[in-house]
Amino acid sequence: MNAIALTASIIPLLALYLYQYAARIINARRPSLSMLMNEQRFNWVTQATRRESPLDGILSGNIMSAVSFFASTTALLILALFTVIGQLPQFAPALSTIAFGFSYSVADLQVHNIAMLVLFVSAFLSFTLSLRQFNHFCIFIGGLDHTRPSPPEEVRVIARINAKAAQSFNAGIRAYYFAIPMVAWYVSSWAALVVTVGTVALLIHREYFSEARWLVAQITPH
């Protein structure tokens, strides 16, 4: 088994999980776009407590539809990977035609496919957890009593449930980002490593230094 190929298969997975922990440290000094949006989720719930309107149900339904789409797509990808694992000896010659520099062994391909399977299973679990948490959020929104002002603690809890659901959804989306270096692996192990670094840089830019983050920060206390 090629040691570089094995390393390149595992590095995107490690980068995915390490990014989540590193983000918590960075957020303490510079709030990410996601953290800033959590403040807006609090504003959303605050306004929802003051109005009797189908608007909040429609917004929640649209969000859940997007999460459900990704969950269904990820389930199909997992099934496809299970199918491919049993057919790798047949696929190996075709895959070797796109490899740059050297060909992978069947063992290399098996390990890499298992790593991809772990990545997408992680994404699927994140999306399904997000659906469950958004479902809880919808129940809370539906249970609001508009005949009285909602206690601040109730508003904070409902907003926090929404934020947790968004956090789970973002975790699933990040898994898709790190699927890019997984695909680059088929071209070259070195390409996978380079694309992993590029993916981390892209995520950091979008969360902490993008124009969207700057715009949201203009109207969000932090």
C-alpha atoms as a PDB file:
ATOM      1  CA  MET A   1       0.000   0.000   0.000  1.00  0.00           C
ATOM      2  CA  ASN A   2       1.317   3.430  -0.992  1.00  0.00           C
ATOM      3  CA  ALA A   3       2.017   5.503   2.157  1.00  0.00           C
ATOM      4  CA  ILE A   4       1.502   8.828   0.359  1.00  0.00           C
ATOM      5  CA  ALA A   5      -1.792   7.629  -1.093  1.00  0.00           C
ATOM      6  CA  LEU A   6      -2.951   6.501   2.340  1.00  0.00           C
ATOM      7  CA  THR A   7      -1.989   9.837   3.894  1.00  0.00           C
ATOM      8  CA  ALA A   8      -3.738  11.777   1.141  1.00  0.00           C
ATOM      9  CA  SER A   9      -6.893   9.713   1.702  1.00  0.00           C
ATOM     10  CA  ILE A  10      -6.991  10.445   5.426  1.00  0.00           C
ATOM     11  CA  ILE A  11      -5.886  14.095   5.456  1.00  0.00           C
ATOM     12  CA  PRO A  12      -9.213  15.533   4.146  1.00  0.00           C
ATOM     13  CA  LEU A  13     -11.073  13.709   6.919  1.00  0.00           C
ATOM     14  CA  LEU A  14      -8.673  15.014   9.544  1.00  0.00           C
ATOM     15  CA  ALA A  15      -8.888  18.512   8.085  1.00  0.00           C
ATOM     16  CA  LEU A  16     -12.692  18.393   8.305  1.00  0.00           C
ATOM     17  CA  TYR A  17     -12.729  17.510  11.996  1.00  0.00           C
ATOM     18  CA  LEU A  18      -9.781  19.729  12.963  1.00  0.00           C
ATOM     19  CA  TYR A  19     -11.382  22.699  11.210  1.00  0.00           C
ATOM     20  CA  GLN A  20     -14.420  22.403  13.480  1.00  0.00           C
ATOM     21  CA  TYR A  21     -12.248  22.627  16.594  1.00  0.00           C
ATOM     22  CA  ALA A  22     -10.026  25.368  15.187  1.00  0.00           C
ATOM     23  CA  ALA A  23     -13.100  27.425  14.299  1.00  0.00           C
ATOM     24  CA  ARG A  24     -14.114  27.531  17.960  1.00  0.00           C
ATOM     25  CA  ILE A  25     -10.751  29.048  18.864  1.00  0.00           C
ATOM     26  CA  ILE A  26     -10.886  31.597  16.042  1.00  0.00           C
ATOM     27  CA  ASN A  27     -14.480  32.539  16.895  1.00  0.00           C
ATOM     28  CA  ALA A  28     -13.344  33.716  20.307  1.00  0.00           C
ATOM     29  CA  ARG A  29     -11.342  36.488  18.634  1.00  0.00           C
ATOM     30  CA  ARG A  30     -13.208  37.047  15.392  1.00  0.00           C
ATOM     31  CA  PRO A  31     -16.834  35.923  15.104  1.00  0.00           C
ATOM     32  CA  SER A  32     -17.504  33.915  11.969  1.00  0.00           C
ATOM     33  CA  LEU A  33     -20.306  34.605   9.508  1.00  0.00           C
ATOM     34  CA  SER A  34     -22.246  31.727  11.073  1.00  0.00           C
ATOM     35  CA  MET A  35     -21.933  33.227  14.556  1.00  0.00           C
ATOM     36  CA  LEU A  36     -23.078  36.608  13.330  1.00  0.00           C
ATOM     37  CA  MET A  37     -26.089  35.011  11.657  1.00  0.00           C
ATOM     38  CA  ASN A  38     -27.004  33.407  14.974  1.00  0.00           C
ATOM     39  CA  GLU A  39     -27.719  36.916  16.255  1.00  0.00           C
ATOM     40  CA  GLN A  40     -30.111  37.391  13.349  1.00  0.00           C
ATOM     41  CA  ARG A  41     -31.786  34.099  14.262  1.00  0.00           C
ATOM     42  CA  PHE A  42     -32.486  35.638  17.666  1.00  0.00           C
ATOM     43  CA  ASN A  43     -34.048  38.627  15.892  1.00  0.00           C
ATOM     44  CA  TRP A  44     -36.143  36.262  13.764  1.00  0.00           C
ATOM     45  CA  VAL A  45     -37.568  34.476  16.793  1.00  0.00           C
ATOM     46  CA  THR A  46     -38.166  37.793  18.565  1.00  0.00           C
ATOM     47  CA  GLN A  47     -40.261  39.005  15.630  1.00  0.00           C
ATOM     48  CA  ALA A  48     -42.026  35.645  15.326  1.00  0.00           C
ATOM     49  CA  THR A  49     -43.298  35.980  18.898  1.00  0.00           C
ATOM     50  CA  ARG A  50     -44.998  39.250  17.954  1.00  0.00           C
ATOM     51  CA  ARG A  51     -46.899  38.185  14.856  1.00  0.00           C
ATOM     52  CA  GLU A  52     -49.481  35.602  13.876  1.00  0.00           C
ATOM     53  CA  SER A  53     -48.470  34.905  10.317  1.00  0.00           C
ATOM     54  CA  PRO A  54     -47.702  31.878   8.100  1.00  0.00           C
ATOM     55  CA  LEU A  55     -44.435  33.593   7.136  1.00  0.00           C
ATOM     56  CA  ASP A  56     -42.361  31.818   9.793  1.00  0.00           C
ATOM     57  CA  GLY A  57     -43.768  28.425   8.827  1.00  0.00           C
ATOM     58  CA  ILE A  58     -43.003  29.086   5.156  1.00  0.00           C
ATOM     59  CA  LEU A  59     -39.438  30.152   5.930  1.00  0.00           C
ATOM     60  CA  SER A  60     -38.870  27.088   8.127  1.00  0.00           C
ATOM     61  CA  GLY A  61     -40.341  24.802   5.467  1.00  0.00           C
ATOM     62  CA  ASN A  62     -38.048  26.219   2.789  1.00  0.00           C
ATOM     63  CA  ILE A  63     -34.996  25.671   4.988  1.00  0.00           C
ATOM     64  CA  MET A  64     -36.027  22.105   5.830  1.00  0.00           C
ATOM     65  CA  SER A  65     -36.572  21.350   2.127  1.00  0.00           C
ATOM     66  CA  ALA A  66     -32.978  22.344   1.387  1.00  0.00           C
ATOM     67  CA  VAL A  67     -31.650  20.193   4.234  1.00  0.00           C
ATOM     68  CA  SER A  68     -33.834  17.265   3.140  1.00  0.00           C
ATOM     69  CA  PHE A  69     -32.476  17.548  -0.409  1.00  0.00           C
ATOM     70  CA  PHE A  70     -28.887  17.253   0.799  1.00  0.00           C
ATOM     71  CA  ALA A  71     -29.762  14.367   3.125  1.00  0.00           C
ATOM     72  CA  SER A  72     -31.415  12.437   0.268  1.00  0.00           C
ATOM     73  CA  THR A  73     -28.537  13.151  -2.112  1.00  0.00           C
ATOM     74  CA  THR A  74     -26.003  12.028   0.466  1.00  0.00           C
ATOM     75  CA  ALA A  75     -27.883   8.770   1.037  1.00  0.00           C
ATOM     76  CA  LEU A  76     -27.667   8.055  -2.703  1.00  0.00           C
ATOM     77  CA  LEU A  77     -23.938   8.775  -2.693  1.00  0.00           C
ATOM     78  CA  ILE A  78     -23.436   6.371   0.214  1.00  0.00           C
ATOM     79  CA  LEU A  79     -25.282   3.623  -1.660  1.00  0.00           C
ATOM     80  CA  ALA A  80     -23.187   4.328  -4.771  1.00  0.00           C
ATOM     81  CA  LEU A  81     -19.956   4.044  -2.770  1.00  0.00           C
ATOM     82  CA  PHE A  82     -21.074   0.738  -1.288  1.00  0.00           C
ATOM     83  CA  THR A  83     -21.711  -0.526  -4.806  1.00  0.00           C
ATOM     84  CA  VAL A  84     -18.349   0.666  -6.125  1.00  0.00           C
ATOM     85  CA  ILE A  85     -16.382  -0.976  -3.293  1.00  0.00           C
ATOM     86  CA  GLY A  86     -17.370  -4.402  -4.583  1.00  0.00           C
ATOM     87  CA  GLN A  87     -16.446  -3.494  -8.157  1.00  0.00           C
ATOM     88  CA  LEU A  88     -13.054  -1.842  -7.606  1.00  0.00           C
ATOM     89  CA  PRO A  89     -10.985  -4.494  -9.452  1.00  0.00           C
ATOM     90  CA  GLN A  90     -13.073  -3.777 -12.551  1.00  0.00           C
ATOM     91  CA  PHE A  91     -12.836  -0.004 -12.107  1.00  0.00           C
ATOM     92  CA  ALA A  92      -9.086   0.075 -11.376  1.00  0.00           C
ATOM     93  CA  PRO A  93      -7.910   0.036 -15.037  1.00  0.00           C
ATOM     94  CA  ALA A  94     -10.260   2.902 -15.940  1.00  0.00           C
ATOM     95  CA  LEU A  95      -9.240   4.947 -12.910  1.00  0.00           C
ATOM     96  CA  SER A  96      -5.558   4.452 -13.703  1.00  0.00           C
ATOM     97  CA  THR A  97      -6.028   6.374 -16.947  1.00  0.00           C
ATOM     98  CA  ILE A  98      -6.689   9.626 -15.077  1.00  0.00           C
ATOM     99  CA  ALA A  99      -3.961   9.149 -12.444  1.00  0.00           C
ATOM    100  CA  PHE A 100      -1.022  11.495 -12.874  1.00  0.00           C
ATOM    101  CA  GLY A 101       2.396   9.972 -12.292  1.00  0.00           C
ATOM    102  CA  PHE A 102       1.542   6.509 -10.979  1.00  0.00           C
ATOM    103  CA  SER A 103      -1.292   4.008 -10.725  1.00  0.00           C
ATOM    104  CA  TYR A 104      -3.056   3.075  -7.511  1.00  0.00           C
ATOM    105  CA  SER A 105      -3.363  -0.490  -6.343  1.00  0.00           C
ATOM    106  CA  VAL A 106      -6.736  -2.045  -5.573  1.00  0.00           C
ATOM    107  CA  ALA A 107      -5.880  -1.792  -1.855  1.00  0.00           C
ATOM    108  CA  ASP A 108      -5.243   1.962  -2.240  1.00  0.00           C
ATOM    109  CA  LEU A 109      -8.605   2.365  -3.957  1.00  0.00           C
ATOM    110  CA  GLN A 110     -10.391   0.355  -1.281  1.00  0.00           C
ATOM    111  CA  VAL A 111      -8.946   2.443   1.547  1.00  0.00           C
ATOM    112  CA  HIS A 112      -9.795   5.658  -0.279  1.00  0.00           C
ATOM    113  CA  ASN A 113     -13.361   4.557  -0.972  1.00  0.00           C
ATOM    114  CA  ILE A 114     -13.807   3.674   2.694  1.00  0.00           C
ATOM    115  CA  ALA A 115     -12.503   7.141   3.636  1.00  0.00           C
ATOM    116  CA  MET A 116     -15.014   8.707   1.249  1.00  0.00           C
ATOM    117  CA  LEU A 117     -17.725   6.532   2.755  1.00  0.00           C
ATOM    118  CA  VAL A 118     -16.858   7.798   6.237  1.00  0.00           C
ATOM    119  CA  LEU A 119     -16.964  11.377   4.928  1.00  0.00           C
ATOM    120  CA  PHE A 120     -20.432  11.045   3.426  1.00  0.00           C
ATOM    121  CA  VAL A 121     -21.827   9.059   6.352  1.00  0.00           C
ATOM    122  CA  SER A 122     -20.676  11.929   8.563  1.00  0.00           C
ATOM    123  CA  ALA A 123     -22.439  14.373   6.241  1.00  0.00           C
ATOM    124  CA  PHE A 124     -25.621  12.269   6.249  1.00  0.00           C
ATOM    125  CA  LEU A 125     -25.689  12.150  10.052  1.00  0.00           C
ATOM    126  CA  SER A 126     -25.201  15.928  10.183  1.00  0.00           C
ATOM    127  CA  PHE A 127     -28.040  16.573   7.728  1.00  0.00           C
ATOM    128  CA  THR A 128     -30.473  14.236   9.485  1.00  0.00           C
ATOM    129  CA  LEU A 129     -29.604  15.803  12.847  1.00  0.00           C
ATOM    130  CA  SER A 130     -30.203  19.215  11.298  1.00  0.00           C
ATOM    131  CA  LEU A 131     -33.628  18.085  10.058  1.00  0.00           C
ATOM    132  CA  ARG A 132     -34.538  16.868  13.532  1.00  0.00           C
ATOM    133  CA  GLN A 133     -33.418  20.124  15.133  1.00  0.00           C
ATOM    134  CA  PHE A 134     -35.283  22.260  12.577  1.00  0.00           C
ATOM    135  CA  ASN A 135     -38.333  20.105  13.293  1.00  0.00           C
ATOM    136  CA  HIS A 136     -37.992  20.999  16.976  1.00  0.00           C
ATOM    137  CA  PHE A 137     -37.686  24.648  15.993  1.00  0.00           C
ATOM    138  CA  CYS A 138     -40.926  24.445  13.973  1.00  0.00           C
ATOM    139  CA  ILE A 139     -42.722  22.913  16.954  1.00  0.00           C
ATOM    140  CA  PHE A 140     -41.537  25.747  19.198  1.00  0.00           C
ATOM    141  CA  ILE A 141     -42.613  28.354  16.648  1.00  0.00           C
ATOM    142  CA  GLY A 142     -46.003  26.694  16.314  1.00  0.00           C
ATOM    143  CA  GLY A 143     -46.405  26.611  20.079  1.00  0.00           C
ATOM    144  CA  LEU A 144     -45.815  30.323  20.657  1.00  0.00           C
ATOM    145  CA  ASP A 145     -48.552  32.061  22.614  1.00  0.00           C
ATOM    146  CA  HIS A 146     -49.183  35.365  20.852  1.00  0.00           C
ATOM    147  CA  THR A 147     -51.604  36.540  23.531  1.00  0.00           C
ATOM    148  CA  ARG A 148     -48.725  37.403  25.859  1.00  0.00           C
ATOM    149  CA  PRO A 149     -45.115  38.601  25.516  1.00  0.00           C
ATOM    150  CA  SER A 150     -42.722  35.668  25.333  1.00  0.00           C
ATOM    151  CA  PRO A 151     -40.121  35.478  28.128  1.00  0.00           C
ATOM    152  CA  PRO A 152     -36.595  36.365  26.969  1.00  0.00           C
ATOM    153  CA  GLU A 153     -35.353  32.935  28.031  1.00  0.00           C
ATOM    154  CA  GLU A 154     -37.931  31.253  25.777  1.00  0.00           C
ATOM    155  CA  VAL A 155     -36.811  33.377  22.831  1.00  0.00           C
ATOM    156  CA  ARG A 156     -33.160  32.528  23.483  1.00  0.00           C
ATOM    157  CA  VAL A 157     -33.876  28.789  23.674  1.00  0.00           C
ATOM    158  CA  ILE A 158     -35.841  28.751  20.409  1.00  0.00           C
ATOM    159  CA  ALA A 159     -33.170  30.810  18.649  1.00  0.00           C
ATOM    160  CA  ARG A 160     -30.507  28.471  20.017  1.00  0.00           C
ATOM    161  CA  ILE A 161     -32.341  25.434  18.625  1.00  0.00           C
ATOM    162  CA  ASN A 162     -32.391  27.153  15.229  1.00  0.00           C
ATOM    163  CA  ALA A 163     -28.671  27.927  15.526  1.00  0.00           C
ATOM    164  CA  LYS A 164     -27.873  24.311  16.451  1.00  0.00           C
ATOM    165  CA  ALA A 165     -29.787  23.104  13.408  1.00  0.00           C
ATOM    166  CA  ALA A 166     -27.849  25.505  11.188  1.00  0.00           C
ATOM    167  CA  GLN A 167     -24.593  24.359  12.777  1.00  0.00           C
ATOM    168  CA  SER A 168     -25.400  20.732  11.931  1.00  0.00           C
ATOM    169  CA  PHE A 169     -26.328  21.717   8.379  1.00  0.00           C
ATOM    170  CA  ASN A 170     -23.043  23.616   7.985  1.00  0.00           C
ATOM    171  CA  ALA A 171     -21.133  20.550   9.190  1.00  0.00           C
ATOM    172  CA  GLY A 172     -22.739  18.518   6.415  1.00  0.00           C
ATOM    173  CA  ILE A 173     -21.954  21.163   3.814  1.00  0.00           C
ATOM    174  CA  ARG A 174     -18.315  21.266   4.927  1.00  0.00           C
ATOM    175  CA  ALA A 175     -18.110  17.516   4.314  1.00  0.00           C
ATOM    176  CA  TYR A 176     -19.101  18.206   0.715  1.00  0.00           C
ATOM    177  CA  TYR A 177     -16.321  20.776   0.463  1.00  0.00           C
ATOM    178  CA  PHE A 178     -13.776  18.220   1.627  1.00  0.00           C
ATOM    179  CA  ALA A 179     -15.122  15.733  -0.895  1.00  0.00           C
ATOM    180  CA  ILE A 180     -13.356  17.890  -3.503  1.00  0.00           C
ATOM    181  CA  PRO A 181      -9.826  16.831  -2.426  1.00  0.00           C
ATOM    182  CA  MET A 182     -11.162  13.278  -2.152  1.00  0.00           C
ATOM    183  CA  VAL A 183     -12.014  13.431  -5.846  1.00  0.00           C
ATOM    184  CA  ALA A 184      -8.686  15.133  -6.666  1.00  0.00           C
ATOM    185  CA  TRP A 185      -6.986  12.087  -5.102  1.00  0.00           C
ATOM    186  CA  TYR A 186      -7.839  10.051  -8.191  1.00  0.00           C
ATOM    187  CA  VAL A 187      -5.644  12.377 -10.229  1.00  0.00           C
ATOM    188  CA  SER A 188      -2.769  12.492  -7.756  1.00  0.00           C
ATOM    189  CA  SER A 189      -2.139  12.092  -4.035  1.00  0.00           C
ATOM    190  CA  TRP A 190      -0.236  15.365  -4.094  1.00  0.00           C
ATOM    191  CA  ALA A 191      -3.179  17.053  -5.797  1.00  0.00           C
ATOM    192  CA  ALA A 192      -5.409  15.858  -2.949  1.00  0.00           C
ATOM    193  CA  LEU A 193      -3.082  17.386  -0.360  1.00  0.00           C
ATOM    194  CA  VAL A 194      -2.868  20.701  -2.222  1.00  0.00           C
ATOM    195  CA  VAL A 195      -6.640  20.871  -2.732  1.00  0.00           C
ATOM    196  CA  THR A 196      -7.186  20.084   0.966  1.00  0.00           C
ATOM    197  CA  VAL A 197      -5.104  23.121   1.919  1.00  0.00           C
ATOM    198  CA  GLY A 198      -6.996  25.188  -0.644  1.00  0.00           C
ATOM    199  CA  THR A 199     -10.333  24.002   0.736  1.00  0.00           C
ATOM    200  CA  VAL A 200      -9.381  25.004   4.281  1.00  0.00           C
ATOM    201  CA  ALA A 201      -8.263  28.420   3.013  1.00  0.00           C
ATOM    202  CA  LEU A 202     -11.549  28.842   1.116  1.00  0.00           C
ATOM    203  CA  LEU A 203     -13.626  27.988   4.188  1.00  0.00           C
ATOM    204  CA  ILE A 204     -11.657  30.372   6.393  1.00  0.00           C
ATOM    205  CA  HIS A 205     -12.053  33.154   3.835  1.00  0.00           C
ATOM    206  CA  ARG A 206     -15.801  32.636   3.494  1.00  0.00           C
ATOM    207  CA  GLU A 207     -16.412  32.473   7.236  1.00  0.00           C
ATOM    208  CA  TYR A 208     -14.079  35.225   8.443  1.00  0.00           C
ATOM    209  CA  PHE A 209     -12.975  37.498   5.606  1.00  0.00           C
ATOM    210  CA  SER A 210     -15.628  37.393   2.872  1.00  0.00           C
ATOM    211  CA  GLU A 211     -17.695  40.344   1.727  1.00  0.00           C
ATOM    212  CA  ALA A 212     -20.831  38.608   3.031  1.00  0.00           C
ATOM    213  CA  ARG A 213     -19.271  38.424   6.505  1.00  0.00           C
ATOM    214  CA  TRP A 214     -18.305  42.086   6.337  1.00  0.00           C
ATOM    215  CA  LEU A 215     -21.837  43.130   5.308  1.00  0.00           C
ATOM    216  CA  VAL A 216     -23.527  41.106   8.058  1.00  0.00           C
ATOM    217  CA  ALA A 217     -21.082  42.494  10.613  1.00  0.00           C
ATOM    218  CA  GLN A 218     -22.203  46.039   9.750  1.00  0.00           C
ATOM    219  CA  ILE A 219     -25.672  45.449  11.215  1.00  0.00           C
ATOM    220  CA  THR A 220     -24.958  42.722  13.781  1.00  0.00           C
ATOM    221  CA  PRO A 221     -23.515  43.475  17.236  1.00  0.00           C
ATOM    222  CA  HIS A 222     -20.395  41.453  17.985  1.00  0.00           C
END
